[in-house]
Amino acid sequence: MLHFKIETAVFLANPEANTENVRSLYTGFGLTARQIDIVAGMTRQRQYYVIKPDGKRVIDLTLGPVALSFIGASGKEDLIAVKQMMKAYGDMWPAEWLRSRGLEDAAQSWMG
């Protein structure tokens, strides 16, 4: 059995973590049965199990509508719209972007 010394480790959600073949990989990283259960029960692409010398915890990286409005904007039309807003509104373009996405409260917050 392999054992690794780790300073910081991040484990992705894995519903297969408790299967016989996969469990041994996690024990090789030093995870306990309880920690393996945690990894097996987390939500994919959202939760991560972080182990550091000063502690361990599940973190949730769920993005809200404001973050998604920027991160999810990758289509050709979106990029054209952003460039137009940058020219028209300068540093305040993000507020206009948020308005265009129906996020008026967030746009108001951006405006200060």
C-alpha atoms as a PDB file:
ATOM      1  CA  MET A   1       0.000   0.000   0.000  1.00  0.00           C
ATOM      2  CA  LEU A   2       1.289   3.455  -0.949  1.00  0.00           C
ATOM      3  CA  HIS A   3       1.317   6.315   1.535  1.00  0.00           C
ATOM      4  CA  PHE A   4       1.923   9.942   0.617  1.00  0.00           C
ATOM      5  CA  LYS A   5       2.909  12.919   2.769  1.00  0.00           C
ATOM      6  CA  ILE A   6       0.732  15.862   1.783  1.00  0.00           C
ATOM      7  CA  GLU A   7       0.804  19.478   2.967  1.00  0.00           C
ATOM      8  CA  THR A   8      -2.487  20.478   1.325  1.00  0.00           C
ATOM      9  CA  ALA A   9      -4.811  18.150  -0.512  1.00  0.00           C
ATOM     10  CA  VAL A  10      -8.032  18.825  -2.378  1.00  0.00           C
ATOM     11  CA  PHE A  11     -10.368  15.928  -3.097  1.00  0.00           C
ATOM     12  CA  LEU A  12     -13.157  16.098  -5.654  1.00  0.00           C
ATOM     13  CA  ALA A  13     -16.567  14.592  -5.013  1.00  0.00           C
ATOM     14  CA  ASN A  14     -16.512  10.940  -5.971  1.00  0.00           C
ATOM     15  CA  PRO A  15     -19.566   8.731  -5.422  1.00  0.00           C
ATOM     16  CA  GLU A  16     -17.324   5.733  -6.157  1.00  0.00           C
ATOM     17  CA  ALA A  17     -14.987   6.535  -3.242  1.00  0.00           C
ATOM     18  CA  ASN A  18     -16.438   3.740  -1.106  1.00  0.00           C
ATOM     19  CA  THR A  19     -16.039   1.005  -3.691  1.00  0.00           C
ATOM     20  CA  GLU A  20     -13.468  -1.620  -2.864  1.00  0.00           C
ATOM     21  CA  ASN A  21     -10.942  -0.688  -5.547  1.00  0.00           C
ATOM     22  CA  VAL A  22     -11.192   3.076  -5.148  1.00  0.00           C
ATOM     23  CA  ARG A  23     -11.261   3.146  -1.332  1.00  0.00           C
ATOM     24  CA  SER A  24      -7.663   1.907  -1.201  1.00  0.00           C
ATOM     25  CA  LEU A  25      -6.524   4.948  -3.193  1.00  0.00           C
ATOM     26  CA  TYR A  26      -8.031   7.256  -0.609  1.00  0.00           C
ATOM     27  CA  THR A  27      -6.593   5.323   2.315  1.00  0.00           C
ATOM     28  CA  GLY A  28      -3.225   5.611   0.535  1.00  0.00           C
ATOM     29  CA  PHE A  29      -3.606   9.365   0.848  1.00  0.00           C
ATOM     30  CA  GLY A  30      -4.291   8.896   4.561  1.00  0.00           C
ATOM     31  CA  LEU A  31      -8.045   9.468   4.573  1.00  0.00           C
ATOM     32  CA  THR A  32     -10.077   7.815   7.288  1.00  0.00           C
ATOM     33  CA  ALA A  33     -13.268   5.864   6.630  1.00  0.00           C
ATOM     34  CA  ARG A  34     -15.290   8.919   7.710  1.00  0.00           C
ATOM     35  CA  GLN A  35     -13.374  11.209   5.341  1.00  0.00           C
ATOM     36  CA  ILE A  36     -13.927   8.780   2.474  1.00  0.00           C
ATOM     37  CA  ASP A  37     -17.647   8.808   3.281  1.00  0.00           C
ATOM     38  CA  ILE A  38     -17.558  12.613   3.074  1.00  0.00           C
ATOM     39  CA  VAL A  39     -15.883  12.522  -0.352  1.00  0.00           C
ATOM     40  CA  ALA A  40     -18.430   9.949  -1.546  1.00  0.00           C
ATOM     41  CA  GLY A  41     -21.362  12.094  -0.388  1.00  0.00           C
ATOM     42  CA  MET A  42     -20.317  15.478  -1.756  1.00  0.00           C
ATOM     43  CA  THR A  43     -21.926  17.163  -4.759  1.00  0.00           C
ATOM     44  CA  ARG A  44     -19.897  16.940  -7.960  1.00  0.00           C
ATOM     45  CA  GLN A  45     -18.493  20.128  -9.477  1.00  0.00           C
ATOM     46  CA  ARG A  46     -19.624  22.046  -6.435  1.00  0.00           C
ATOM     47  CA  GLN A  47     -18.057  20.674  -3.249  1.00  0.00           C
ATOM     48  CA  TYR A  48     -14.427  19.878  -2.488  1.00  0.00           C
ATOM     49  CA  TYR A  49     -12.781  18.322   0.559  1.00  0.00           C
ATOM     50  CA  VAL A  50      -9.684  20.277   1.591  1.00  0.00           C
ATOM     51  CA  ILE A  51      -7.123  18.946   4.041  1.00  0.00           C
ATOM     52  CA  LYS A  52      -4.434  21.306   5.340  1.00  0.00           C
ATOM     53  CA  PRO A  53      -2.093  21.036   8.305  1.00  0.00           C
ATOM     54  CA  ASP A  54      -4.331  23.431  10.246  1.00  0.00           C
ATOM     55  CA  GLY A  55      -7.627  21.676   9.518  1.00  0.00           C
ATOM     56  CA  LYS A  56      -9.971  20.007   7.086  1.00  0.00           C
ATOM     57  CA  ARG A  57     -13.349  20.942   5.676  1.00  0.00           C
ATOM     58  CA  VAL A  58     -15.763  20.673   2.790  1.00  0.00           C
ATOM     59  CA  ILE A  59     -15.843  23.854   0.745  1.00  0.00           C
ATOM     60  CA  ASP A  60     -18.645  24.792  -1.615  1.00  0.00           C
ATOM     61  CA  LEU A  61     -17.768  26.690  -4.769  1.00  0.00           C
ATOM     62  CA  THR A  62     -21.298  27.205  -5.985  1.00  0.00           C
ATOM     63  CA  LEU A  63     -21.442  30.365  -8.051  1.00  0.00           C
ATOM     64  CA  GLY A  64     -24.322  32.757  -7.660  1.00  0.00           C
ATOM     65  CA  PRO A  65     -26.125  34.599 -10.453  1.00  0.00           C
ATOM     66  CA  VAL A  66     -23.755  37.599 -10.443  1.00  0.00           C
ATOM     67  CA  ALA A  67     -20.604  35.501 -10.820  1.00  0.00           C
ATOM     68  CA  LEU A  68     -22.288  33.301 -13.402  1.00  0.00           C
ATOM     69  CA  SER A  69     -23.344  36.327 -15.431  1.00  0.00           C
ATOM     70  CA  PHE A  70     -19.670  37.147 -15.981  1.00  0.00           C
ATOM     71  CA  ILE A  71     -18.076  33.704 -16.001  1.00  0.00           C
ATOM     72  CA  GLY A  72     -20.761  32.202 -18.209  1.00  0.00           C
ATOM     73  CA  ALA A  73     -20.371  34.942 -20.819  1.00  0.00           C
ATOM     74  CA  SER A  74     -18.164  33.360 -23.416  1.00  0.00           C
ATOM     75  CA  GLY A  75     -20.211  33.325 -26.601  1.00  0.00           C
ATOM     76  CA  LYS A  76     -19.358  35.540 -29.535  1.00  0.00           C
ATOM     77  CA  GLU A  77     -22.421  37.741 -28.965  1.00  0.00           C
ATOM     78  CA  ASP A  78     -21.578  38.147 -25.275  1.00  0.00           C
ATOM     79  CA  LEU A  79     -18.028  39.243 -26.041  1.00  0.00           C
ATOM     80  CA  ILE A  80     -19.235  41.772 -28.598  1.00  0.00           C
ATOM     81  CA  ALA A  81     -21.761  43.152 -26.086  1.00  0.00           C
ATOM     82  CA  VAL A  82     -19.089  43.477 -23.389  1.00  0.00           C
ATOM     83  CA  LYS A  83     -16.753  45.346 -25.743  1.00  0.00           C
ATOM     84  CA  GLN A  84     -19.573  47.722 -26.706  1.00  0.00           C
ATOM     85  CA  MET A  85     -20.461  48.322 -23.057  1.00  0.00           C
ATOM     86  CA  MET A  86     -16.820  48.965 -22.175  1.00  0.00           C
ATOM     87  CA  LYS A  87     -16.644  51.647 -24.874  1.00  0.00           C
ATOM     88  CA  ALA A  88     -19.975  53.209 -23.930  1.00  0.00           C
ATOM     89  CA  TYR A  89     -19.753  53.061 -20.097  1.00  0.00           C
ATOM     90  CA  GLY A  90     -16.040  52.852 -19.273  1.00  0.00           C
ATOM     91  CA  ASP A  91     -15.363  51.549 -15.767  1.00  0.00           C
ATOM     92  CA  MET A  92     -19.089  51.265 -15.090  1.00  0.00           C
ATOM     93  CA  TRP A  93     -19.689  48.680 -17.813  1.00  0.00           C
ATOM     94  CA  PRO A  94     -20.158  45.845 -15.273  1.00  0.00           C
ATOM     95  CA  ALA A  95     -23.252  47.591 -13.884  1.00  0.00           C
ATOM     96  CA  GLU A  96     -24.743  47.786 -17.364  1.00  0.00           C
ATOM     97  CA  TRP A  97     -23.853  44.155 -17.961  1.00  0.00           C
ATOM     98  CA  LEU A  98     -25.650  43.147 -14.783  1.00  0.00           C
ATOM     99  CA  ARG A  99     -28.715  45.172 -15.798  1.00  0.00           C
ATOM    100  CA  SER A 100     -28.746  43.451 -19.177  1.00  0.00           C
ATOM    101  CA  ARG A 101     -28.823  40.144 -17.301  1.00  0.00           C
ATOM    102  CA  GLY A 102     -31.791  41.172 -15.154  1.00  0.00           C
ATOM    103  CA  LEU A 103     -29.681  41.704 -12.022  1.00  0.00           C
ATOM    104  CA  GLU A 104     -30.739  45.256 -11.173  1.00  0.00           C
ATOM    105  CA  ASP A 105     -29.932  45.017  -7.447  1.00  0.00           C
ATOM    106  CA  ALA A 106     -26.410  43.851  -8.228  1.00  0.00           C
ATOM    107  CA  ALA A 107     -26.040  46.658 -10.793  1.00  0.00           C
ATOM    108  CA  GLN A 108     -27.092  49.201  -8.153  1.00  0.00           C
ATOM    109  CA  SER A 109     -24.558  47.744  -5.717  1.00  0.00           C
ATOM    110  CA  TRP A 110     -21.850  48.070  -8.356  1.00  0.00           C
ATOM    111  CA  MET A 111     -22.728  51.727  -8.818  1.00  0.00           C
ATOM    112  CA  GLY A 112     -22.176  52.263  -5.114  1.00  0.00           C
END
